[in-house]
Every structure is written in structure tokens, then in C-alpha cells.
Amino acid sequence: QVQVVESGGGLVQAGGSLRLSCTASGLQFGFGGHAIAWFRQTPGKEREGVAFINSGGYDTYITDSVKGRFTISRDNAEKKVILSMNSLAPEDSAMYYCAVGFLGGAWKSADLYQYWGKGTQVTVSS
């Protein structure tokens, strides 16, 4: 059974930083065989793709609204994907989700991921 777990969320002041971690187990082909993405969602809004990293870690994509502030990386030996968030602003406040089991296509489409974690809350105060 696939399990996806996020951690690292919390309350931070504007301008601060957080590192979110995602780990997954039970995956066919193992953790290192899968691309992984981070999404975020606020109440009443659709889930938004924030960052994507391919299985080998050499291709990454960051959505425009956080480009230059967020980076995504992975350590397949540690079975972790890290979303590093700097210069956080109140509009970055959201529940952040890790998504695994990418089916191909447009990485920002939430429908193209098979497995999701329960999310970790990020709150940025002004």
C-alpha cells in the first residue's frame, strides 16, 4: 500500500523560510522511480501545482508565482523530496500536498497523480 507523508509546515512570519519534506513508501519501482510534485490549496480554490521534479532529480519545474523563491530537490537514497520556500508571503499560506504516481502530461494537472499525502499546513503571517 502506497503511503505519502508530508512534514515541515508551520507558522512563519512574512519574509521567513520553511522546508517541506515528502516521503513515500510502497511504490512500484521504488521511490527513485517516480516523479514527484508539490501542490497547494486554500479553501474554495483549486489545487495549484507549485513544483515538480523528475525521478532522477535533474528536471525541475516551478510555477511562475513562486519562481526565484521556491526550489525543489530530492535525495533518493533518503527517499525524500524537499520543497525549500524562501521569502514567504501571506499569499503562500495554504495546505501543501505531495503528489506521486505521475501519469504523464501537464505536471500541474492534479488529476494526473495517483497518490497524495494528507498535506501540511503553511501559514505566513504579515
C-alpha atoms as a PDB file:
ATOM      1  CA  GLN A   1       0.000   0.000   0.000  1.00  0.00           C
ATOM      2  CA  VAL A   2       1.333   3.385  -1.007  1.00  0.00           C
ATOM      3  CA  GLN A   3       1.819   5.942   1.736  1.00  0.00           C
ATOM      4  CA  VAL A   4       2.748   9.558   1.114  1.00  0.00           C
ATOM      5  CA  VAL A   5       3.659  11.738   4.068  1.00  0.00           C
ATOM      6  CA  GLU A   6       4.415  15.457   4.174  1.00  0.00           C
ATOM      7  CA  SER A   7       6.069  17.325   7.019  1.00  0.00           C
ATOM      8  CA  GLY A   8       7.650  20.669   7.805  1.00  0.00           C
ATOM      9  CA  GLY A   9       4.719  23.039   7.680  1.00  0.00           C
ATOM     10  CA  GLY A  10       4.050  25.629  10.331  1.00  0.00           C
ATOM     11  CA  LEU A  11       3.567  29.276  11.154  1.00  0.00           C
ATOM     12  CA  VAL A  12       6.188  31.718   9.914  1.00  0.00           C
ATOM     13  CA  GLN A  13       6.432  35.487   9.556  1.00  0.00           C
ATOM     14  CA  ALA A  14       6.469  37.113   6.152  1.00  0.00           C
ATOM     15  CA  GLY A  15       9.947  37.006   4.694  1.00  0.00           C
ATOM     16  CA  GLY A  16      10.771  33.793   6.507  1.00  0.00           C
ATOM     17  CA  SER A  17      11.598  30.332   5.208  1.00  0.00           C
ATOM     18  CA  LEU A  18      10.319  26.789   5.536  1.00  0.00           C
ATOM     19  CA  ARG A  19      11.420  23.419   4.215  1.00  0.00           C
ATOM     20  CA  LEU A  20       8.734  20.903   3.445  1.00  0.00           C
ATOM     21  CA  SER A  21       9.611  17.239   3.179  1.00  0.00           C
ATOM     22  CA  CYS A  22       7.794  14.466   1.340  1.00  0.00           C
ATOM     23  CA  THR A  23       8.453  10.788   1.654  1.00  0.00           C
ATOM     24  CA  ALA A  24       6.624   7.875   0.076  1.00  0.00           C
ATOM     25  CA  SER A  25       6.657   4.138   0.539  1.00  0.00           C
ATOM     26  CA  GLY A  26       5.084   1.128  -1.099  1.00  0.00           C
ATOM     27  CA  LEU A  27       5.660   2.427  -4.607  1.00  0.00           C
ATOM     28  CA  GLN A  28       6.063   0.129  -7.554  1.00  0.00           C
ATOM     29  CA  PHE A  29       9.587   0.769  -8.963  1.00  0.00           C
ATOM     30  CA  GLY A  30      10.582   2.301  -5.630  1.00  0.00           C
ATOM     31  CA  PHE A  31      10.787   5.925  -4.556  1.00  0.00           C
ATOM     32  CA  GLY A  32      13.512   6.743  -7.055  1.00  0.00           C
ATOM     33  CA  GLY A  33      11.411   5.581  -9.968  1.00  0.00           C
ATOM     34  CA  HIS A  34       8.817   8.307  -9.630  1.00  0.00           C
ATOM     35  CA  ALA A  35       8.438  11.962 -10.431  1.00  0.00           C
ATOM     36  CA  ILE A  36       7.023  13.944  -7.518  1.00  0.00           C
ATOM     37  CA  ALA A  37       5.180  17.234  -7.307  1.00  0.00           C
ATOM     38  CA  TRP A  38       4.064  19.690  -4.669  1.00  0.00           C
ATOM     39  CA  PHE A  39       0.634  21.286  -4.826  1.00  0.00           C
ATOM     40  CA  ARG A  40      -1.068  23.777  -2.570  1.00  0.00           C
ATOM     41  CA  GLN A  41      -4.666  24.589  -1.884  1.00  0.00           C
ATOM     42  CA  THR A  42      -6.647  27.200   0.016  1.00  0.00           C
ATOM     43  CA  PRO A  43     -10.338  26.877   0.898  1.00  0.00           C
ATOM     44  CA  GLY A  44     -12.618  27.391  -2.060  1.00  0.00           C
ATOM     45  CA  LYS A  45      -9.819  27.243  -4.615  1.00  0.00           C
ATOM     46  CA  GLU A  46      -8.496  24.532  -6.893  1.00  0.00           C
ATOM     47  CA  ARG A  47      -5.339  22.684  -6.050  1.00  0.00           C
ATOM     48  CA  GLU A  48      -2.396  24.535  -7.608  1.00  0.00           C
ATOM     49  CA  GLY A  49       0.776  22.906  -8.871  1.00  0.00           C
ATOM     50  CA  VAL A  50       3.785  24.539  -7.215  1.00  0.00           C
ATOM     51  CA  ALA A  51       6.818  22.439  -8.136  1.00  0.00           C
ATOM     52  CA  PHE A  52       7.755  19.226  -9.930  1.00  0.00           C
ATOM     53  CA  ILE A  53      10.864  17.080 -10.016  1.00  0.00           C
ATOM     54  CA  ASN A  54      11.505  14.100 -12.231  1.00  0.00           C
ATOM     55  CA  SER A  55      12.625  10.729 -10.928  1.00  0.00           C
ATOM     56  CA  GLY A  56      16.318  11.430 -11.396  1.00  0.00           C
ATOM     57  CA  GLY A  57      16.145  14.910  -9.943  1.00  0.00           C
ATOM     58  CA  TYR A  58      17.681  16.620 -12.948  1.00  0.00           C
ATOM     59  CA  ASP A  59      14.483  18.159 -14.366  1.00  0.00           C
ATOM     60  CA  THR A  60      12.528  20.564 -12.195  1.00  0.00           C
ATOM     61  CA  TYR A  61       9.667  22.938 -12.821  1.00  0.00           C
ATOM     62  CA  ILE A  62       8.487  25.760 -10.600  1.00  0.00           C
ATOM     63  CA  THR A  63       5.268  27.674 -11.085  1.00  0.00           C
ATOM     64  CA  ASP A  64       5.748  31.308 -12.015  1.00  0.00           C
ATOM     65  CA  SER A  65       4.229  32.776  -8.841  1.00  0.00           C
ATOM     66  CA  VAL A  66       6.963  31.272  -6.660  1.00  0.00           C
ATOM     67  CA  LYS A  67       9.864  31.167  -9.095  1.00  0.00           C
ATOM     68  CA  GLY A  68      13.009  32.571  -7.540  1.00  0.00           C
ATOM     69  CA  ARG A  69      11.702  31.885  -4.026  1.00  0.00           C
ATOM     70  CA  PHE A  70      10.924  28.148  -4.014  1.00  0.00           C
ATOM     71  CA  THR A  71      13.148  25.268  -5.068  1.00  0.00           C
ATOM     72  CA  ILE A  72      12.546  21.539  -5.226  1.00  0.00           C
ATOM     73  CA  SER A  73      15.137  18.841  -4.714  1.00  0.00           C
ATOM     74  CA  ARG A  74      15.295  15.160  -3.918  1.00  0.00           C
ATOM     75  CA  ASP A  75      17.514  12.628  -2.234  1.00  0.00           C
ATOM     76  CA  ASN A  76      16.539   9.198  -3.485  1.00  0.00           C
ATOM     77  CA  ALA A  77      18.835   7.471  -1.002  1.00  0.00           C
ATOM     78  CA  GLU A  78      16.954   9.167   1.826  1.00  0.00           C
ATOM     79  CA  LYS A  79      13.645   8.779  -0.052  1.00  0.00           C
ATOM     80  CA  LYS A  80      12.813  12.455   0.366  1.00  0.00           C
ATOM     81  CA  VAL A  81      11.716  15.340  -1.780  1.00  0.00           C
ATOM     82  CA  ILE A  82      12.274  18.779  -0.290  1.00  0.00           C
ATOM     83  CA  LEU A  83      10.421  21.968  -1.131  1.00  0.00           C
ATOM     84  CA  SER A  84      12.529  24.886   0.080  1.00  0.00           C
ATOM     85  CA  MET A  85      10.486  28.044   0.457  1.00  0.00           C
ATOM     86  CA  ASN A  86      12.124  31.420   0.990  1.00  0.00           C
ATOM     87  CA  SER A  87      10.824  34.995   1.194  1.00  0.00           C
ATOM     88  CA  LEU A  88       7.430  33.675   2.168  1.00  0.00           C
ATOM     89  CA  ALA A  89       4.443  35.954   1.818  1.00  0.00           C
ATOM     90  CA  PRO A  90       0.930  35.727   3.285  1.00  0.00           C
ATOM     91  CA  GLU A  91      -0.404  34.630  -0.112  1.00  0.00           C
ATOM     92  CA  ASP A  92       1.739  31.493   0.194  1.00  0.00           C
ATOM     93  CA  SER A  93      -0.418  30.351   3.100  1.00  0.00           C
ATOM     94  CA  ALA A  94      -2.096  27.089   2.114  1.00  0.00           C
ATOM     95  CA  MET A  95      -2.247  23.389   2.707  1.00  0.00           C
ATOM     96  CA  TYR A  96       0.681  21.884   0.827  1.00  0.00           C
ATOM     97  CA  TYR A  97       0.354  18.419  -0.664  1.00  0.00           C
ATOM     98  CA  CYS A  98       2.854  15.980  -2.087  1.00  0.00           C
ATOM     99  CA  ALA A  99       1.732  14.061  -5.156  1.00  0.00           C
ATOM    100  CA  VAL A 100       3.225  10.853  -6.521  1.00  0.00           C
ATOM    101  CA  GLY A 101       2.410   8.441  -9.323  1.00  0.00           C
ATOM    102  CA  PHE A 102       2.527  10.892 -12.202  1.00  0.00           C
ATOM    103  CA  LEU A 103       0.720   9.533 -15.248  1.00  0.00           C
ATOM    104  CA  GLY A 104       2.375  11.898 -17.734  1.00  0.00           C
ATOM    105  CA  GLY A 105       1.249  15.082 -19.427  1.00  0.00           C
ATOM    106  CA  ALA A 106       0.889  18.516 -17.868  1.00  0.00           C
ATOM    107  CA  TRP A 107       2.560  18.332 -14.458  1.00  0.00           C
ATOM    108  CA  LYS A 108       0.287  20.986 -12.963  1.00  0.00           C
ATOM    109  CA  SER A 109      -2.828  18.893 -13.503  1.00  0.00           C
ATOM    110  CA  ALA A 110      -3.781  17.325 -10.178  1.00  0.00           C
ATOM    111  CA  ASP A 111      -5.806  14.636 -11.966  1.00  0.00           C
ATOM    112  CA  LEU A 112      -2.598  13.114 -13.337  1.00  0.00           C
ATOM    113  CA  TYR A 113      -1.306  11.928  -9.948  1.00  0.00           C
ATOM    114  CA  GLN A 114      -2.322   8.661  -8.365  1.00  0.00           C
ATOM    115  CA  TYR A 115      -1.228   9.118  -4.770  1.00  0.00           C
ATOM    116  CA  TRP A 116      -1.489  12.012  -2.355  1.00  0.00           C
ATOM    117  CA  GLY A 117      -0.462  12.775   1.163  1.00  0.00           C
ATOM    118  CA  LYS A 118      -2.758  14.374   3.707  1.00  0.00           C
ATOM    119  CA  GLY A 119      -0.979  17.696   3.481  1.00  0.00           C
ATOM    120  CA  THR A 120       0.958  20.008   5.759  1.00  0.00           C
ATOM    121  CA  GLN A 121      -0.309  23.463   6.641  1.00  0.00           C
ATOM    122  CA  VAL A 122       1.777  26.540   5.915  1.00  0.00           C
ATOM    123  CA  THR A 123       0.659  29.823   7.443  1.00  0.00           C
ATOM    124  CA  VAL A 124       2.535  33.048   6.774  1.00  0.00           C
ATOM    125  CA  SER A 125       1.695  35.993   8.998  1.00  0.00           C
ATOM    126  CA  SER A 126       2.083  39.576   7.836  1.00  0.00           C
END
